[in-house]
PDB file of N, CA and C in Angstrom:
ATOM      1  N   MET A   1     -89.403  25.802  95.727  1.00  0.00           N
ATOM      2  CA  MET A   1     -90.241  25.435  96.859  1.00  0.00           C
ATOM      3  C   MET A   1     -89.975  23.990  97.295  1.00  0.00           C
ATOM      4  N   LEU A   2     -89.840  23.109  96.310  1.00  0.00           N
ATOM      5  CA  LEU A   2     -89.597  21.701  96.624  1.00  0.00           C
ATOM      6  C   LEU A   2     -88.236  21.515  97.291  1.00  0.00           C
ATOM      7  N   GLY A   3     -87.253  22.306  96.854  1.00  0.00           N
ATOM      8  CA  GLY A   3     -85.929  22.249  97.476  1.00  0.00           C
ATOM      9  C   GLY A   3     -85.985  22.655  98.940  1.00  0.00           C
ATOM     10  N   PHE A   4     -86.822  23.634  99.245  1.00  0.00           N
ATOM     11  CA  PHE A   4     -86.986  24.077 100.631  1.00  0.00           C
ATOM     12  C   PHE A   4     -87.592  22.967 101.487  1.00  0.00           C
ATOM     13  N   ILE A   5     -88.564  22.244 100.934  1.00  0.00           N
ATOM     14  CA  ILE A   5     -89.197  21.144 101.673  1.00  0.00           C
ATOM     15  C   ILE A   5     -88.175  20.052 101.968  1.00  0.00           C
ATOM     16  N   PHE A   6     -87.341  19.719 100.977  1.00  0.00           N
ATOM     17  CA  PHE A   6     -86.300  18.710 101.201  1.00  0.00           C
ATOM     18  C   PHE A   6     -85.294  19.196 102.244  1.00  0.00           C
ATOM     19  N   TRP A   7     -84.965  20.500 102.214  1.00  0.00           N
ATOM     20  CA  TRP A   7     -84.035  21.054 103.180  1.00  0.00           C
ATOM     21  C   TRP A   7     -84.617  20.975 104.595  1.00  0.00           C
ATOM     22  N   VAL A   8     -85.908  21.301 104.738  1.00  0.00           N
ATOM     23  CA  VAL A   8     -86.558  21.245 106.053  1.00  0.00           C
ATOM     24  C   VAL A   8     -86.583  19.808 106.569  1.00  0.00           C
ATOM     25  N   LEU A   9     -86.947  18.854 105.714  1.00  0.00           N
ATOM     26  CA  LEU A   9     -86.973  17.448 106.136  1.00  0.00           C
ATOM     27  C   LEU A   9     -85.581  16.972 106.544  1.00  0.00           C
ATOM     28  N   ASN A  10     -84.576  17.367 105.785  1.00  0.00           N
ATOM     29  CA  ASN A  10     -83.199  16.996 106.113  1.00  0.00           C
ATOM     30  C   ASN A  10     -82.785  17.593 107.455  1.00  0.00           C
ATOM     31  N   SER A  11     -83.169  18.842 107.702  1.00  0.00           N
ATOM     32  CA  SER A  11     -82.839  19.496 108.975  1.00  0.00           C
ATOM     33  C   SER A  11     -83.563  18.838 110.146  1.00  0.00           C
ATOM     34  N   LEU A  12     -84.817  18.436 109.931  1.00  0.00           N
ATOM     35  CA  LEU A  12     -85.560  17.749 110.985  1.00  0.00           C
ATOM     36  C   LEU A  12     -84.924  16.400 111.328  1.00  0.00           C
ATOM     37  N   ILE A  13     -84.462  15.690 110.321  1.00  0.00           N
ATOM     38  CA  ILE A  13     -83.792  14.411 110.584  1.00  0.00           C
ATOM     39  C   ILE A  13     -82.499  14.651 111.349  1.00  0.00           C
ATOM     40  N   ASP A  14     -81.744  15.679 110.969  1.00  0.00           N
ATOM     41  CA  ASP A  14     -80.524  16.021 111.714  1.00  0.00           C
ATOM     42  C   ASP A  14     -80.835  16.323 113.173  1.00  0.00           C
ATOM     43  N   ALA A  15     -81.868  17.111 113.409  1.00  0.00           N
ATOM     44  CA  ALA A  15     -82.242  17.459 114.777  1.00  0.00           C
ATOM     45  C   ALA A  15     -82.666  16.219 115.553  1.00  0.00           C
ATOM     46  N   TYR A  16     -83.403  15.312 114.909  1.00  0.00           N
ATOM     47  CA  TYR A  16     -83.857  14.106 115.585  1.00  0.00           C
ATOM     48  C   TYR A  16     -82.679  13.185 115.922  1.00  0.00           C
ATOM     49  N   ILE A  17     -81.686  13.152 115.060  1.00  0.00           N
ATOM     50  CA  ILE A  17     -80.469  12.378 115.358  1.00  0.00           C
ATOM     51  C   ILE A  17     -79.806  12.933 116.620  1.00  0.00           C
ATOM     52  N   TRP A  18     -79.748  14.250 116.749  1.00  0.00           N
ATOM     53  CA  TRP A  18     -79.170  14.850 117.949  1.00  0.00           C
ATOM     54  C   TRP A  18     -79.991  14.536 119.188  1.00  0.00           C
ATOM     55  N   VAL A  19     -81.314  14.501 119.040  1.00  0.00           N
ATOM     56  CA  VAL A  19     -82.167  14.148 120.180  1.00  0.00           C
ATOM     57  C   VAL A  19     -81.891  12.710 120.618  1.00  0.00           C
ATOM     58  N   ILE A  20     -81.678  11.811 119.667  1.00  0.00           N
ATOM     59  CA  ILE A  20     -81.344  10.422 120.004  1.00  0.00           C
ATOM     60  C   ILE A  20     -80.001  10.363 120.729  1.00  0.00           C
ATOM     61  N   VAL A  21     -79.029  11.127 120.262  1.00  0.00           N
ATOM     62  CA  VAL A  21     -77.711  11.152 120.921  1.00  0.00           C
ATOM     63  C   VAL A  21     -77.849  11.663 122.351  1.00  0.00           C
ATOM     64  N   ILE A  22     -78.624  12.725 122.552  1.00  0.00           N
ATOM     65  CA  ILE A  22     -78.844  13.252 123.910  1.00  0.00           C
ATOM     66  C   ILE A  22     -79.560  12.223 124.766  1.00  0.00           C
ATOM     67  N   TRP A  23     -80.529  11.524 124.178  1.00  0.00           N
ATOM     68  CA  TRP A  23     -81.255  10.463 124.895  1.00  0.00           C
ATOM     69  C   TRP A  23     -80.286   9.383 125.377  1.00  0.00           C
ATOM     70  N   CYS A  24     -79.334   9.033 124.524  1.00  0.00           N
ATOM     71  CA  CYS A  24     -78.330   8.030 124.915  1.00  0.00           C
ATOM     72  C   CYS A  24     -77.431   8.559 126.030  1.00  0.00           C
ATOM     73  N   LEU A  25     -77.032   9.812 125.929  1.00  0.00           N
ATOM     74  CA  LEU A  25     -76.170  10.391 126.962  1.00  0.00           C
ATOM     75  C   LEU A  25     -76.883  10.492 128.300  1.00  0.00           C
ATOM     76  N   LEU A  26     -78.195  10.710 128.277  1.00  0.00           N
ATOM     77  CA  LEU A  26     -78.951  10.783 129.530  1.00  0.00           C
ATOM     78  C   LEU A  26     -78.912   9.455 130.287  1.00  0.00           C
ATOM     79  N   SER A  27     -78.713   8.363 129.582  1.00  0.00           N
ATOM     80  CA  SER A  27     -78.678   7.066 130.256  1.00  0.00           C
ATOM     81  C   SER A  27     -77.410   6.901 131.100  1.00  0.00           C
ATOM     82  N   TRP A  28     -76.423   7.744 130.891  1.00  0.00           N
ATOM     83  CA  TRP A  28     -75.182   7.664 131.664  1.00  0.00           C
ATOM     84  C   TRP A  28     -75.326   8.271 133.050  1.00  0.00           C
ATOM     85  N   PHE A  29     -76.323   9.113 133.226  1.00  0.00           N
ATOM     86  CA  PHE A  29     -76.486   9.827 134.494  1.00  0.00           C
ATOM     87  C   PHE A  29     -77.696   9.279 135.238  1.00  0.00           C
ATOM     88  N   PRO A  30     -77.532   8.983 136.519  1.00  0.00           N
ATOM     89  CA  PRO A  30     -78.649   8.435 137.285  1.00  0.00           C
ATOM     90  C   PRO A  30     -79.820   9.426 137.355  1.00  0.00           C
ATOM     91  N   ASN A  31     -81.007   8.923 137.142  1.00  0.00           N
ATOM     92  CA  ASN A  31     -82.259   9.681 137.231  1.00  0.00           C
ATOM     93  C   ASN A  31     -82.349  10.854 136.261  1.00  0.00           C
ATOM     94  N   ALA A  32     -81.495  10.907 135.239  1.00  0.00           N
ATOM     95  CA  ALA A  32     -81.555  12.012 134.282  1.00  0.00           C
ATOM     96  C   ALA A  32     -82.814  11.924 133.430  1.00  0.00           C
ATOM     97  N   ARG A  33     -83.271  10.713 133.160  1.00  0.00           N
ATOM     98  CA  ARG A  33     -84.493  10.566 132.364  1.00  0.00           C
ATOM     99  C   ARG A  33     -85.737  10.856 133.188  1.00  0.00           C
ATOM    100  N   GLY A  34     -85.591  10.973 134.484  1.00  0.00           N
ATOM    101  CA  GLY A  34     -86.719  11.294 135.348  1.00  0.00           C
ATOM    102  C   GLY A  34     -86.984  12.789 135.440  1.00  0.00           C
ATOM    103  N   THR A  35     -86.069  13.611 134.917  1.00  0.00           N
ATOM    104  CA  THR A  35     -86.274  15.056 134.920  1.00  0.00           C
ATOM    105  C   THR A  35     -87.284  15.439 133.846  1.00  0.00           C
ATOM    106  N   ARG A  36     -87.737  16.661 133.878  1.00  0.00           N
ATOM    107  CA  ARG A  36     -88.719  17.131 132.886  1.00  0.00           C
ATOM    108  C   ARG A  36     -88.142  17.043 131.472  1.00  0.00           C
ATOM    109  N   LEU A  37     -86.899  17.487 131.294  1.00  0.00           N
ATOM    110  CA  LEU A  37     -86.257  17.409 129.987  1.00  0.00           C
ATOM    111  C   LEU A  37     -86.104  15.955 129.553  1.00  0.00           C
ATOM    112  N   GLY A  38     -85.708  15.105 130.487  1.00  0.00           N
ATOM    113  CA  GLY A  38     -85.565  13.686 130.173  1.00  0.00           C
ATOM    114  C   GLY A  38     -86.878  13.057 129.752  1.00  0.00           C
ATOM    115  N   GLU A  39     -87.973  13.453 130.390  1.00  0.00           N
ATOM    116  CA  GLU A  39     -89.290  12.918 130.021  1.00  0.00           C
ATOM    117  C   GLU A  39     -89.709  13.374 128.629  1.00  0.00           C
ATOM    118  N   ILE A  40     -89.424  14.623 128.290  1.00  0.00           N
ATOM    119  CA  ILE A  40     -89.762  15.134 126.962  1.00  0.00           C
ATOM    120  C   ILE A  40     -88.966  14.392 125.892  1.00  0.00           C
ATOM    121  N   ILE A  41     -87.672  14.245 126.127  1.00  0.00           N
ATOM    122  CA  ILE A  41     -86.827  13.541 125.160  1.00  0.00           C
ATOM    123  C   ILE A  41     -87.248  12.083 125.054  1.00  0.00           C
ATOM    124  N   ASP A  42     -87.607  11.483 126.182  1.00  0.00           N
ATOM    125  CA  ASP A  42     -88.062  10.092 126.179  1.00  0.00           C
ATOM    126  C   ASP A  42     -89.334   9.934 125.342  1.00  0.00           C
ATOM    127  N   ARG A  43     -90.256  10.880 125.457  1.00  0.00           N
ATOM    128  CA  ARG A  43     -91.486  10.834 124.660  1.00  0.00           C
ATOM    129  C   ARG A  43     -91.203  10.977 123.173  1.00  0.00           C
ATOM    130  N   LEU A  44     -90.171  11.728 122.828  1.00  0.00           N
ATOM    131  CA  LEU A  44     -89.828  11.909 121.416  1.00  0.00           C
ATOM    132  C   LEU A  44     -89.115  10.698 120.828  1.00  0.00           C
ATOM    133  N   VAL A  45     -88.280  10.045 121.632  1.00  0.00           N
ATOM    134  CA  VAL A  45     -87.393   9.013 121.103  1.00  0.00           C
ATOM    135  C   VAL A  45     -87.953   7.602 121.263  1.00  0.00           C
ATOM    136  N   GLU A  46     -88.631   7.317 122.361  1.00  0.00           N
ATOM    137  CA  GLU A  46     -89.096   5.953 122.648  1.00  0.00           C
ATOM    138  C   GLU A  46     -89.938   5.330 121.523  1.00  0.00           C
ATOM    139  N   PRO A  47     -90.905   6.042 120.938  1.00  0.00           N
ATOM    140  CA  PRO A  47     -91.687   5.388 119.876  1.00  0.00           C
ATOM    141  C   PRO A  47     -90.825   4.925 118.704  1.00  0.00           C
ATOM    142  N   TYR A  48     -89.848   5.724 118.319  1.00  0.00           N
ATOM    143  CA  TYR A  48     -88.964   5.322 117.211  1.00  0.00           C
ATOM    144  C   TYR A  48     -88.023   4.202 117.639  1.00  0.00           C
ATOM    145  N   MET A  49     -87.472   4.304 118.842  1.00  0.00           N
ATOM    146  CA  MET A  49     -86.527   3.294 119.298  1.00  0.00           C
ATOM    147  C   MET A  49     -87.197   1.949 119.550  1.00  0.00           C
ATOM    148  N   SER A  50     -88.490   1.941 119.783  1.00  0.00           N
ATOM    149  CA  SER A  50     -89.185   0.665 120.017  1.00  0.00           C
ATOM    150  C   SER A  50     -89.157  -0.218 118.777  1.00  0.00           C
ATOM    151  N   TRP A  51     -88.966   0.368 117.606  1.00  0.00           N
ATOM    152  CA  TRP A  51     -88.851  -0.431 116.381  1.00  0.00           C
ATOM    153  C   TRP A  51     -87.572  -1.250 116.364  1.00  0.00           C
ATOM    154  N   PHE A  52     -86.589  -0.859 117.162  1.00  0.00           N
ATOM    155  CA  PHE A  52     -85.279  -1.507 117.137  1.00  0.00           C
ATOM    156  C   PHE A  52     -85.004  -2.325 118.394  1.00  0.00           C
ATOM    157  N   ASN A  53     -86.043  -2.667 119.140  1.00  0.00           N
ATOM    158  CA  ASN A  53     -85.870  -3.467 120.352  1.00  0.00           C
ATOM    159  C   ASN A  53     -85.497  -4.915 120.075  1.00  0.00           C
ATOM    160  N   PHE A  54     -85.607  -5.347 118.836  1.00  0.00           N
ATOM    161  CA  PHE A  54     -85.267  -6.729 118.502  1.00  0.00           C
ATOM    162  C   PHE A  54     -83.763  -6.976 118.503  1.00  0.00           C
ATOM    163  N   ILE A  55     -82.959  -5.919 118.551  1.00  0.00           N
ATOM    164  CA  ILE A  55     -81.500  -6.061 118.532  1.00  0.00           C
ATOM    165  C   ILE A  55     -81.030  -6.340 119.959  1.00  0.00           C
ATOM    166  N   PRO A  56     -80.437  -7.530 120.194  1.00  0.00           N
ATOM    167  CA  PRO A  56     -80.011  -7.861 121.565  1.00  0.00           C
ATOM    168  C   PRO A  56     -78.765  -7.066 121.966  1.00  0.00           C
ATOM    169  N   PRO A  57     -78.665  -6.689 123.232  1.00  0.00           N
ATOM    170  CA  PRO A  57     -77.450  -5.998 123.683  1.00  0.00           C
ATOM    171  C   PRO A  57     -76.255  -6.948 123.691  1.00  0.00           C
ATOM    172  N   LEU A  58     -75.110  -6.428 123.358  1.00  0.00           N
ATOM    173  CA  LEU A  58     -73.873  -7.213 123.358  1.00  0.00           C
ATOM    174  C   LEU A  58     -72.992  -6.712 124.495  1.00  0.00           C
ATOM    175  N   GLY A  59     -72.721  -7.563 125.450  1.00  0.00           N
ATOM    176  CA  GLY A  59     -71.892  -7.187 126.586  1.00  0.00           C
ATOM    177  C   GLY A  59     -72.516  -6.095 127.437  1.00  0.00           C
ATOM    178  N   GLY A  60     -73.830  -6.059 127.482  1.00  0.00           N
ATOM    179  CA  GLY A  60     -74.525  -5.051 128.279  1.00  0.00           C
ATOM    180  C   GLY A  60     -74.686  -3.710 127.578  1.00  0.00           C
ATOM    181  N   ILE A  61     -74.206  -3.619 126.338  1.00  0.00           N
ATOM    182  CA  ILE A  61     -74.314  -2.370 125.579  1.00  0.00           C
ATOM    183  C   ILE A  61     -75.305  -2.569 124.447  1.00  0.00           C
ATOM    184  N   SER A  62     -76.292  -1.690 124.379  1.00  0.00           N
ATOM    185  CA  SER A  62     -77.294  -1.760 123.326  1.00  0.00           C
ATOM    186  C   SER A  62     -76.816  -0.985 122.107  1.00  0.00           C
ATOM    187  N   PHE A  63     -76.876  -1.632 120.968  1.00  0.00           N
ATOM    188  CA  PHE A  63     -76.500  -0.979 119.719  1.00  0.00           C
ATOM    189  C   PHE A  63     -77.724  -0.534 118.926  1.00  0.00           C
ATOM    190  N   SER A  64     -78.886  -0.571 119.551  1.00  0.00           N
ATOM    191  CA  SER A  64     -80.116  -0.130 118.898  1.00  0.00           C
ATOM    192  C   SER A  64     -80.056   1.330 118.458  1.00  0.00           C
ATOM    193  N   PRO A  65     -79.535   2.243 119.279  1.00  0.00           N
ATOM    194  CA  PRO A  65     -79.447   3.635 118.818  1.00  0.00           C
ATOM    195  C   PRO A  65     -78.538   3.802 117.597  1.00  0.00           C
ATOM    196  N   VAL A  66     -77.489   3.009 117.519  1.00  0.00           N
ATOM    197  CA  VAL A  66     -76.589   3.097 116.368  1.00  0.00           C
ATOM    198  C   VAL A  66     -77.333   2.692 115.103  1.00  0.00           C
ATOM    199  N   VAL A  67     -78.083   1.601 115.189  1.00  0.00           N
ATOM    200  CA  VAL A  67     -78.858   1.137 114.036  1.00  0.00           C
ATOM    201  C   VAL A  67     -79.948   2.151 113.693  1.00  0.00           C
ATOM    202  N   ALA A  68     -80.592   2.714 114.711  1.00  0.00           N
ATOM    203  CA  ALA A  68     -81.650   3.699 114.474  1.00  0.00           C
ATOM    204  C   ALA A  68     -81.099   4.944 113.777  1.00  0.00           C
ATOM    205  N   ILE A  69     -79.939   5.403 114.202  1.00  0.00           N
ATOM    206  CA  ILE A  69     -79.319   6.566 113.561  1.00  0.00           C
ATOM    207  C   ILE A  69     -78.883   6.221 112.145  1.00  0.00           C
ATOM    208  N   PHE A  70     -78.376   5.018 111.939  1.00  0.00           N
ATOM    209  CA  PHE A  70     -77.991   4.586 110.600  1.00  0.00           C
ATOM    210  C   PHE A  70     -79.195   4.601 109.661  1.00  0.00           C
ATOM    211  N   VAL A  71     -80.337   4.152 110.147  1.00  0.00           N
ATOM    212  CA  VAL A  71     -81.562   4.175 109.331  1.00  0.00           C
ATOM    213  C   VAL A  71     -81.942   5.610 108.984  1.00  0.00           C
ATOM    214  N   LEU A  72     -81.788   6.524 109.935  1.00  0.00           N
ATOM    215  CA  LEU A  72     -82.080   7.925 109.643  1.00  0.00           C
ATOM    216  C   LEU A  72     -81.111   8.497 108.615  1.00  0.00           C
ATOM    217  N   TYR A  73     -79.846   8.102 108.681  1.00  0.00           N
ATOM    218  CA  TYR A  73     -78.888   8.538 107.658  1.00  0.00           C
ATOM    219  C   TYR A  73     -79.267   7.986 106.283  1.00  0.00           C
ATOM    220  N   LEU A  74     -79.765   6.756 106.243  1.00  0.00           N
ATOM    221  CA  LEU A  74     -80.234   6.205 104.969  1.00  0.00           C
ATOM    222  C   LEU A  74     -81.418   7.006 104.431  1.00  0.00           C
ATOM    223  N   ALA A  75     -82.314   7.410 105.330  1.00  0.00           N
ATOM    224  CA  ALA A  75     -83.452   8.238 104.916  1.00  0.00           C
ATOM    225  C   ALA A  75     -82.964   9.580 104.374  1.00  0.00           C
ATOM    226  N   GLN A  76     -81.949  10.147 105.007  1.00  0.00           N
ATOM    227  CA  GLN A  76     -81.392  11.402 104.508  1.00  0.00           C
ATOM    228  C   GLN A  76     -80.773  11.224 103.125  1.00  0.00           C
ATOM    229  N   SER A  77     -80.103  10.108 102.919  1.00  0.00           N
ATOM    230  CA  SER A  77     -79.526   9.843 101.602  1.00  0.00           C
ATOM    231  C   SER A  77     -80.621   9.721 100.546  1.00  0.00           C
ATOM    232  N   GLY A  78     -81.698   9.060 100.918  1.00  0.00           N
ATOM    233  CA  GLY A  78     -82.826   8.945  99.997  1.00  0.00           C
ATOM    234  C   GLY A  78     -83.438  10.304  99.689  1.00  0.00           C
ATOM    235  N   LEU A  79     -83.571  11.146 100.699  1.00  0.00           N
ATOM    236  CA  LEU A  79     -84.085  12.498 100.472  1.00  0.00           C
ATOM    237  C   LEU A  79     -83.143  13.302  99.579  1.00  0.00           C
ATOM    238  N   SER A  80     -81.857  13.139  99.780  1.00  0.00           N
ATOM    239  CA  SER A  80     -80.887  13.855  98.934  1.00  0.00           C
ATOM    240  C   SER A  80     -80.981  13.392  97.491  1.00  0.00           C
ATOM    241  N   ALA A  81     -81.177  12.090  97.294  1.00  0.00           N
ATOM    242  CA  ALA A  81     -81.331  11.572  95.938  1.00  0.00           C
ATOM    243  C   ALA A  81     -82.614  12.113  95.304  1.00  0.00           C
ATOM    244  N   LEU A  82     -83.688  12.156  96.072  1.00  0.00           N
ATOM    245  CA  LEU A  82     -84.933  12.714  95.548  1.00  0.00           C
ATOM    246  C   LEU A  82     -84.797  14.200  95.230  1.00  0.00           C
ATOM    247  N   ALA A  83     -84.110  14.915  96.106  1.00  0.00           N
ATOM    248  CA  ALA A  83     -83.892  16.343  95.868  1.00  0.00           C
ATOM    249  C   ALA A  83     -83.064  16.546  94.603  1.00  0.00           C
ATOM    250  N   GLY A  84     -82.097  15.668  94.377  1.00  0.00           N
ATOM    251  CA  GLY A  84     -81.298  15.756  93.154  1.00  0.00           C
ATOM    252  C   GLY A  84     -82.124  15.469  91.903  1.00  0.00           C
ATOM    253  N   MET A  85     -83.056  14.557  92.021  1.00  0.00           N
ATOM    254  CA  MET A  85     -83.912  14.226  90.873  1.00  0.00           C
ATOM    255  C   MET A  85     -84.890  15.346  90.553  1.00  0.00           C
ATOM    256  N   PHE A  86     -85.438  15.986  91.600  1.00  0.00           N
ATOM    257  CA  PHE A  86     -86.456  17.000  91.391  1.00  0.00           C
ATOM    258  C   PHE A  86     -85.877  18.416  91.380  1.00  0.00           C
ATOM    259  N   GLY A  87     -84.654  18.563  91.867  1.00  0.00           N
ATOM    260  CA  GLY A  87     -84.076  19.899  91.985  1.00  0.00           C
ATOM    261  C   GLY A  87     -83.268  20.231  90.821  1.00  0.00           C
TER     262      GLY A  87
END
């Protein structure tokens, strides 16, 4: 049962990473975030991305999503270590 919980959490983190990637891709298209799908994705991603607003953009490119995804990968590694300890 505990292994299933770790698997679900790992899958949710994977899905959230993909949502962040889609959120970044939406910024390439004009008014894409103004669509219904863009608004839903924005509501999912903005609260988490606001934690990384302290990172200044370099050359007009924001690396906040890269750092945010890296943090999620670290969380996945921690979950894998916990699953190994309890599994």
